[in-house]
């Protein structure tokens, strides 16, 4: 029988990391404190009864008043505090995920059924979800109630923007591009995603940025290499209210992912580096106004360490917008963790493995005050 690993409590984490907190910019810590009473902790959220699914229970986005949304046991859920609530499934649907929630509590996400999926919106307490016409996936919603996602049309994947349950527009692509995914929208209505272009025998990928409103096609984010380098893939994941975009560059030849961000006028990406001695990592989300990004630190199977199984478990990481990437504490000493969401009030959402290896949906409160350099 495996001996349990002791979980780290908030007080132990704070005491252990106190000498390292100077690594976190003071301005970012002040922003957290200004948002309210700041108590660093790893808050473990409730899960639905039943057997864990192949998709880890996880927080995907953070909402107002301590709410969060995501998935539990493969089903779409939201949390109030630590209490989990089911999102009702329409007949025929067997699972899904709530991908996003706005400050008014409007949720958006994806439902699954055998052979297909559907985009939906939902408000807490409603008896049923609203299916979004023409959508197979909804990925984000802003405070104006604009929802973005994807759906099939004419045999191809197209980006869609909805208001209420009405299609507001289908997202036009640059000439020669097909859509890979739509991932985010900010308060101004600017939308990010990614696409692939083919010219003759050459193909390449690029991040895409759509202007707010109108029918203008997306603008490819640089860099992209029409010379046909087949190993590079860019995946913008989120956009903040100032237009800063975060995401991941995947160099598939060496199994290396790098967290990247783009700033207007988007002439090139910049990279904050990797966490400690890790050889790979991602950015999954950026806070709306405080310039804080989160993702996951991991390792390349080609670039070390060797042997690959000696690499430590993946770990949630956070970046205050300057300086080095920082680690977020593990729930258990040898437990894996990932981060998918960050809010202006200093919370970070994701999942973490407990002392028995079970993945638990978690929120790191006052996250930057817990963050440290490995």
Protein backbone atom coordinates (compact mmCIF):
# COMPACT_ATOMS: atom_id res chain seq x y z
CA UNK A 1 0.00 0.00 0.00
CA UNK A 2 1.42 3.37 -0.98
CA UNK A 3 2.15 5.68 1.90
CA UNK A 4 0.20 8.96 1.59
CA UNK A 5 2.19 12.10 0.94
CA UNK A 6 1.33 14.92 3.33
CA UNK A 7 -0.64 17.74 1.68
CA UNK A 8 0.63 21.27 2.17
CA UNK A 9 -1.69 23.51 4.17
CA UNK A 10 -1.88 27.25 3.60
CA UNK A 11 0.14 28.09 6.73
CA UNK A 12 2.88 25.61 5.86
CA UNK A 13 3.09 26.90 2.30
CA UNK A 14 3.30 30.51 3.46
CA UNK A 15 6.00 29.74 6.02
CA UNK A 16 8.05 27.74 3.55
CA UNK A 17 7.84 30.32 0.80
CA UNK A 18 8.14 33.54 2.80
CA UNK A 19 11.85 34.06 1.95
CA UNK A 20 11.02 33.68 -1.75
CA UNK A 21 8.16 36.16 -1.97
CA UNK A 22 10.59 38.92 -2.91
CA UNK A 23 10.63 37.24 -6.33
CA UNK A 24 7.05 38.44 -6.89
CA UNK A 25 6.73 42.07 -8.03
CA UNK A 26 5.37 44.18 -5.17
CA UNK A 27 2.81 45.87 -7.43
CA UNK A 28 1.20 42.52 -8.30
CA UNK A 29 0.95 41.55 -4.64
CA UNK A 30 -0.62 44.93 -3.83
CA UNK A 31 -3.21 44.31 -6.56
CA UNK A 32 -4.18 41.05 -4.87
CA UNK A 33 -4.47 42.69 -1.46
CA UNK A 34 -6.51 45.57 -2.86
CA UNK A 35 -9.06 43.07 -4.19
CA UNK A 36 -10.01 42.12 -0.63
CA UNK A 37 -8.78 40.05 2.26
CA UNK A 38 -5.92 37.98 0.89
CA UNK A 39 -5.33 34.58 2.50
CA UNK A 40 -2.98 32.32 0.54
CA UNK A 41 -4.47 28.83 0.36
CA UNK A 42 -5.18 25.93 -1.99
CA UNK A 43 -8.96 25.62 -1.93
CA UNK A 44 -10.16 22.11 -2.85
CA UNK A 45 -13.59 22.14 -4.48
CA UNK A 46 -16.32 19.55 -4.30
CA UNK A 47 -16.86 16.95 -7.01
CA UNK A 48 -19.90 15.07 -8.27
CA UNK A 49 -20.47 11.54 -6.99
CA UNK A 50 -19.34 8.67 -9.14
CA UNK A 51 -16.21 7.38 -10.78
CA UNK A 52 -13.60 9.84 -11.99
CA UNK A 53 -13.62 10.29 -15.77
CA UNK A 54 -10.65 10.26 -18.13
CA UNK A 55 -10.80 14.07 -18.12
CA UNK A 56 -9.56 15.42 -14.79
CA UNK A 57 -12.03 17.35 -12.66
CA UNK A 58 -10.92 20.93 -13.21
CA UNK A 59 -11.71 24.61 -12.94
CA UNK A 60 -11.72 26.24 -16.39
CA UNK A 61 -12.70 29.83 -15.53
CA UNK A 62 -13.40 32.00 -12.50
CA UNK A 63 -16.49 34.13 -11.98
CA UNK A 64 -17.78 36.77 -9.58
CA UNK A 65 -18.32 36.28 -5.85
CA UNK A 66 -16.18 33.18 -5.52
CA UNK A 67 -17.86 31.27 -8.35
CA UNK A 68 -15.99 28.98 -10.74
CA UNK A 69 -16.91 26.80 -13.71
CA UNK A 70 -15.50 23.68 -15.28
CA UNK A 71 -16.08 19.95 -15.31
CA UNK A 72 -16.51 17.14 -12.79
CA UNK A 73 -16.82 13.46 -13.62
CA UNK A 74 -16.96 14.47 -17.27
CA UNK A 75 -20.05 16.63 -16.71
CA UNK A 76 -20.48 20.42 -16.96
CA UNK A 77 -20.55 22.06 -13.51
CA UNK A 78 -20.15 25.29 -11.63
CA UNK A 79 -19.13 25.96 -8.04
CA UNK A 80 -20.30 28.45 -5.43
CA UNK A 81 -17.54 28.48 -2.86
CA UNK A 82 -16.54 24.81 -2.67
CA UNK A 83 -20.02 23.44 -3.42
CA UNK A 84 -20.45 21.82 -6.84
CA UNK A 85 -23.60 22.20 -8.96
CA UNK A 86 -24.61 20.25 -12.06
CA UNK A 87 -25.55 21.98 -15.28
CA UNK A 88 -28.68 20.18 -16.60
CA UNK A 89 -28.11 18.07 -19.68
CA UNK A 90 -30.62 18.01 -22.55
CA UNK A 91 -31.93 14.62 -23.63
CA UNK A 92 -29.31 12.61 -25.51
CA UNK A 93 -26.27 14.44 -24.13
CA UNK A 94 -23.92 12.55 -21.86
CA UNK A 95 -21.24 15.04 -20.76
CA UNK A 96 -19.52 18.34 -21.32
CA UNK A 97 -17.67 21.26 -19.80
CA UNK A 98 -18.42 24.85 -18.85
CA UNK A 99 -15.59 26.77 -20.51
CA UNK A 100 -16.29 30.34 -19.38
CA UNK A 101 -18.39 32.64 -17.21
CA UNK A 102 -18.76 36.43 -17.25
CA UNK A 103 -19.19 38.91 -14.39
CA UNK A 104 -22.97 38.63 -14.68
CA UNK A 105 -22.93 34.86 -14.23
CA UNK A 106 -23.62 33.93 -17.88
CA UNK A 107 -21.85 30.64 -18.65
CA UNK A 108 -20.83 29.11 -21.96
CA UNK A 109 -19.45 25.72 -22.88
CA UNK A 110 -19.76 22.48 -24.77
CA UNK A 111 -22.05 19.47 -24.45
CA UNK A 112 -21.16 16.02 -25.78
CA UNK A 113 -23.22 13.14 -27.03
CA UNK A 114 -22.37 10.04 -29.06
CA UNK A 115 -21.29 11.24 -32.47
CA UNK A 116 -21.39 14.97 -31.82
CA UNK A 117 -21.27 18.05 -29.61
CA UNK A 118 -23.09 21.34 -29.14
CA UNK A 119 -22.35 24.84 -27.86
CA UNK A 120 -24.54 26.10 -25.02
CA UNK A 121 -25.11 28.93 -22.58
CA UNK A 122 -26.57 28.73 -19.08
CA UNK A 123 -27.40 30.77 -15.99
CA UNK A 124 -27.29 29.36 -12.47
CA UNK A 125 -30.67 28.07 -11.37
CA UNK A 126 -32.16 27.79 -14.85
CA UNK A 127 -34.04 24.57 -15.56
CA UNK A 128 -32.29 24.01 -18.90
CA UNK A 129 -29.39 25.17 -21.02
CA UNK A 130 -29.79 27.22 -24.21
CA UNK A 131 -28.28 25.50 -27.24
CA UNK A 132 -26.46 27.94 -29.52
CA UNK A 133 -27.44 27.56 -33.19
CA UNK A 134 -24.73 26.28 -35.52
CA UNK A 135 -22.27 25.70 -32.67
CA UNK A 136 -20.32 22.58 -31.79
CA UNK A 137 -18.23 24.32 -29.11
CA UNK A 138 -18.37 27.57 -27.10
CA UNK A 139 -15.11 28.73 -25.54
CA UNK A 140 -15.54 32.21 -24.03
CA UNK A 141 -18.03 34.92 -23.09
CA UNK A 142 -17.44 38.59 -22.26
CA UNK A 143 -19.33 40.90 -19.93
CA UNK A 144 -21.46 42.22 -22.80
CA UNK A 145 -22.82 38.69 -23.24
CA UNK A 146 -20.99 37.99 -26.50
CA UNK A 147 -20.12 34.30 -26.79
CA UNK A 148 -17.52 32.86 -29.18
CA UNK A 149 -16.81 29.35 -30.37
CA UNK A 150 -16.92 27.14 -33.42
CA UNK A 151 -19.27 25.13 -35.57
CA UNK A 152 -19.43 23.25 -38.87
CA UNK A 153 -20.53 24.97 -42.04
CA UNK A 154 -20.16 23.73 -45.60
CA UNK A 155 -17.91 20.87 -44.54
CA UNK A 156 -15.44 23.15 -42.75
CA UNK A 157 -14.98 24.45 -39.23
CA UNK A 158 -16.00 28.09 -38.84
CA UNK A 159 -15.75 30.56 -35.98
CA UNK A 160 -19.02 31.88 -34.58
CA UNK A 161 -20.00 34.82 -32.38
CA UNK A 162 -23.38 34.74 -30.66
CA UNK A 163 -25.47 37.28 -28.77
CA UNK A 164 -28.17 35.57 -26.73
CA UNK A 165 -29.09 32.58 -28.87
CA UNK A 166 -28.64 34.42 -32.15
CA UNK A 167 -25.65 34.13 -34.48
CA UNK A 168 -24.17 37.61 -34.61
CA UNK A 169 -21.53 36.79 -37.19
CA UNK A 170 -19.40 34.03 -38.63
CA UNK A 171 -15.72 34.85 -38.34
CA UNK A 172 -14.05 35.50 -41.67
CA UNK A 173 -10.62 33.99 -42.32
CA UNK A 174 -7.61 35.39 -44.18
CA UNK A 175 -7.26 34.14 -47.73
CA UNK A 176 -5.91 30.59 -47.85
CA UNK A 177 -6.56 29.80 -44.17
CA UNK A 178 -8.71 27.18 -42.50
CA UNK A 179 -9.76 27.46 -38.87
CA UNK A 180 -8.12 25.43 -36.12
CA UNK A 181 -9.96 26.90 -33.12
CA UNK A 182 -11.46 30.01 -31.54
CA UNK A 183 -10.34 30.51 -27.95
CA UNK A 184 -11.13 33.92 -26.45
CA UNK A 185 -12.85 37.31 -26.54
CA UNK A 186 -12.11 40.46 -24.52
CA UNK A 187 -14.40 43.24 -23.33
CA UNK A 188 -13.78 45.26 -26.50
CA UNK A 189 -15.02 42.30 -28.56
CA UNK A 190 -11.66 41.33 -30.09
CA UNK A 191 -11.40 37.60 -30.68
CA UNK A 192 -8.41 35.23 -30.82
CA UNK A 193 -7.85 31.78 -32.22
CA UNK A 194 -5.59 29.94 -34.63
CA UNK A 195 -5.58 28.66 -38.18
CA UNK A 196 -3.66 26.76 -40.81
CA UNK A 197 -2.74 27.91 -44.31
CA UNK A 198 -1.82 25.81 -47.32
CA UNK A 199 -0.08 27.03 -50.47
CA UNK A 200 0.92 24.34 -52.93
CA UNK A 201 2.98 21.76 -51.09
CA UNK A 202 3.62 24.08 -48.14
CA UNK A 203 1.58 24.64 -44.99
CA UNK A 204 1.97 26.69 -41.84
CA UNK A 205 0.04 27.76 -38.76
CA UNK A 206 -0.56 31.15 -37.18
CA UNK A 207 -2.41 32.80 -34.36
CA UNK A 208 -5.42 34.81 -35.54
CA UNK A 209 -6.95 38.05 -34.25
CA UNK A 210 -10.42 39.22 -35.32
CA UNK A 211 -11.46 42.86 -34.92
CA UNK A 212 -14.49 43.66 -32.81
CA UNK A 213 -17.70 43.61 -34.83
CA UNK A 214 -17.85 43.86 -38.60
CA UNK A 215 -17.01 41.30 -41.24
CA UNK A 216 -13.28 41.93 -41.67
CA UNK A 217 -11.17 38.74 -41.72
CA UNK A 218 -8.75 37.85 -38.95
CA UNK A 219 -5.19 39.16 -39.04
CA UNK A 220 -2.45 36.49 -38.68
CA UNK A 221 -0.21 37.11 -35.68
CA UNK A 222 3.50 37.08 -36.35
CA UNK A 223 5.64 35.06 -36.45
CA UNK A 224 4.36 32.64 -39.02
CA UNK A 225 6.55 31.01 -41.64
CA UNK A 226 5.08 30.60 -45.12
CA UNK A 227 8.32 28.84 -46.03
CA UNK A 228 6.54 25.76 -44.87
CA UNK A 229 8.27 24.80 -41.63
CA UNK A 230 6.14 21.82 -40.59
CA UNK A 231 7.08 21.63 -36.90
CA UNK A 232 5.89 24.98 -35.50
CA UNK A 233 2.38 25.56 -34.17
CA UNK A 234 1.08 28.70 -32.44
CA UNK A 235 -1.97 28.53 -30.20
CA UNK A 236 -3.24 31.83 -28.73
CA UNK A 237 -5.46 30.96 -25.76
CA UNK A 238 -6.69 34.22 -24.23
CA UNK A 239 -6.78 38.01 -24.68
CA UNK A 240 -6.99 40.64 -21.93
CA UNK A 241 -8.80 43.96 -22.00
CA UNK A 242 -5.69 45.84 -23.18
CA UNK A 243 -5.26 43.47 -26.13
CA UNK A 244 -2.41 41.41 -24.72
CA UNK A 245 -2.62 37.84 -26.02
CA UNK A 246 -1.16 34.75 -24.34
CA UNK A 247 -0.73 31.25 -25.65
CA UNK A 248 1.73 28.52 -26.52
CA UNK A 249 4.26 27.82 -29.25
CA UNK A 250 4.69 24.11 -29.95
CA UNK A 251 7.89 22.95 -31.64
CA UNK A 252 6.71 19.44 -32.30
CA UNK A 253 10.00 18.13 -33.68
CA UNK A 254 11.52 18.22 -30.18
CA UNK A 255 8.27 18.02 -28.19
CA UNK A 256 8.91 21.49 -26.76
CA UNK A 257 6.16 23.92 -25.84
CA UNK A 258 6.94 27.49 -24.85
CA UNK A 259 4.64 30.06 -23.19
CA UNK A 260 4.38 33.15 -25.39
CA UNK A 261 2.58 36.48 -25.46
CA UNK A 262 1.85 39.08 -28.08
CA UNK A 263 1.50 42.82 -27.53
CA UNK A 264 -0.04 45.32 -29.97
CA UNK A 265 0.82 45.88 -32.81
CA UNK A 266 1.53 42.13 -32.81
CA UNK A 267 4.68 42.28 -34.91
CA UNK A 268 6.25 39.42 -32.98
CA UNK A 269 5.83 37.22 -29.95
CA UNK A 270 7.85 37.50 -26.74
CA UNK A 271 8.73 34.68 -24.38
CA UNK A 272 9.18 34.92 -20.62
CA UNK A 273 11.21 31.69 -20.59
CA UNK A 274 10.54 28.45 -18.77
CA UNK A 275 10.02 27.58 -15.12
CA UNK A 276 13.24 26.76 -13.29
CA UNK A 277 14.95 23.82 -14.97
CA UNK A 278 11.85 22.65 -16.86
CA UNK A 279 12.17 22.23 -20.62
CA UNK A 280 8.59 22.94 -21.73
CA UNK A 281 5.50 24.86 -20.68
CA UNK A 282 2.24 26.60 -21.64
CA UNK A 283 0.14 29.69 -21.09
CA UNK A 284 -3.60 29.02 -20.81
CA UNK A 285 -5.10 32.30 -19.55
CA UNK A 286 -4.44 35.95 -18.70
CA UNK A 287 -6.27 38.07 -16.13
CA UNK A 288 -8.55 40.76 -17.61
CA UNK A 289 -6.65 43.81 -16.32
CA UNK A 290 -3.77 42.86 -13.98
CA UNK A 291 -1.38 41.36 -16.55
CA UNK A 292 -1.03 37.99 -14.79
CA UNK A 293 -0.75 34.81 -16.88
CA UNK A 294 -1.02 31.15 -15.88
CA UNK A 295 -0.33 27.77 -17.41
CA UNK A 296 1.58 24.57 -16.82
CA UNK A 297 5.29 23.70 -16.58
CA UNK A 298 6.35 20.36 -17.97
CA UNK A 299 9.26 18.67 -19.76
CA UNK A 300 10.13 17.57 -23.28
CA UNK A 301 10.55 13.88 -23.96
CA UNK A 302 13.40 14.78 -26.36
CA UNK A 303 15.09 17.65 -24.54
CA UNK A 304 15.32 16.09 -21.13
CA UNK A 305 15.62 15.30 -18.40
CA UNK A 306 16.89 11.80 -19.13
CA UNK A 307 15.55 9.27 -18.65
CA UNK A 308 12.21 11.02 -19.34
CA UNK A 309 10.48 9.23 -16.48
CA UNK A 310 12.79 11.07 -14.08
CA UNK A 311 11.04 14.36 -14.87
CA UNK A 312 8.96 15.75 -12.01
CA UNK A 313 5.17 15.87 -12.41
CA UNK A 314 3.69 18.78 -14.34
CA UNK A 315 3.12 21.88 -12.21
CA UNK A 316 0.89 24.95 -12.36
CA UNK A 317 2.85 28.12 -13.11
CA UNK A 318 2.15 31.85 -12.94
CA UNK A 319 3.78 34.92 -14.46
CA UNK A 320 3.19 38.42 -12.98
CA UNK A 321 3.96 40.10 -16.34
CA UNK A 322 7.67 40.68 -15.71
CA UNK A 323 10.56 38.72 -14.29
CA UNK A 324 10.78 34.93 -14.19
CA UNK A 325 7.99 32.40 -14.26
CA UNK A 326 6.97 31.21 -10.79
CA UNK A 327 5.64 27.89 -9.51
CA UNK A 328 2.37 27.47 -7.64
CA UNK A 329 2.48 25.07 -4.68
CA UNK A 330 1.43 21.48 -5.20
CA UNK A 331 -1.48 20.08 -3.24
CA UNK A 332 0.68 17.07 -2.37
CA UNK A 333 4.47 17.02 -2.40
CA UNK A 334 4.75 14.79 -5.48
CA UNK A 335 1.38 15.65 -7.01
CA UNK A 336 0.81 16.98 -10.52
CA UNK A 337 -1.10 20.23 -11.11
CA UNK A 338 -2.24 22.47 -13.97
CA UNK A 339 -3.65 26.02 -14.15
CA UNK A 340 -6.33 27.14 -16.61
CA UNK A 341 -7.83 30.34 -15.19
CA UNK A 342 -6.78 33.56 -13.45
CA UNK A 343 -8.85 36.45 -12.15
CA UNK A 344 -8.13 40.08 -11.27
CA UNK A 345 -8.69 39.31 -7.58
CA UNK A 346 -5.68 37.00 -7.44
CA UNK A 347 -7.36 33.60 -7.78
CA UNK A 348 -6.00 30.88 -10.06
CA UNK A 349 -8.09 27.86 -11.05
CA UNK A 350 -7.15 24.41 -12.31
CA UNK A 351 -6.59 20.99 -10.80
CA UNK A 352 -4.09 19.32 -8.52
CA UNK A 353 -3.44 15.74 -7.44
CA UNK A 354 -3.91 15.00 -3.75
CA UNK A 355 -1.79 12.71 -1.58
CA UNK A 356 -3.53 9.64 -3.06
CA UNK A 357 -2.97 10.70 -6.67
CA UNK A 358 -6.60 11.76 -7.24
CA UNK A 359 -7.06 14.90 -9.33
CA UNK A 360 -9.08 17.54 -7.51
CA UNK A 361 -10.49 20.82 -8.83
CA UNK A 362 -8.69 23.60 -6.96
CA UNK A 363 -8.37 27.36 -6.62
CA UNK A 364 -5.15 28.97 -5.44
CA UNK A 365 -6.29 32.07 -3.52
CA UNK A 366 -3.96 35.06 -3.36
CA UNK A 367 -1.90 33.08 -5.84
CA UNK A 368 1.07 35.39 -6.28
CA UNK A 369 1.66 35.45 -2.52
CA UNK A 370 2.14 31.65 -2.74
CA UNK A 371 4.23 31.67 -5.91
CA UNK A 372 7.94 30.86 -5.72
CA UNK A 373 11.01 30.22 -7.83
CA UNK A 374 11.88 26.51 -7.78
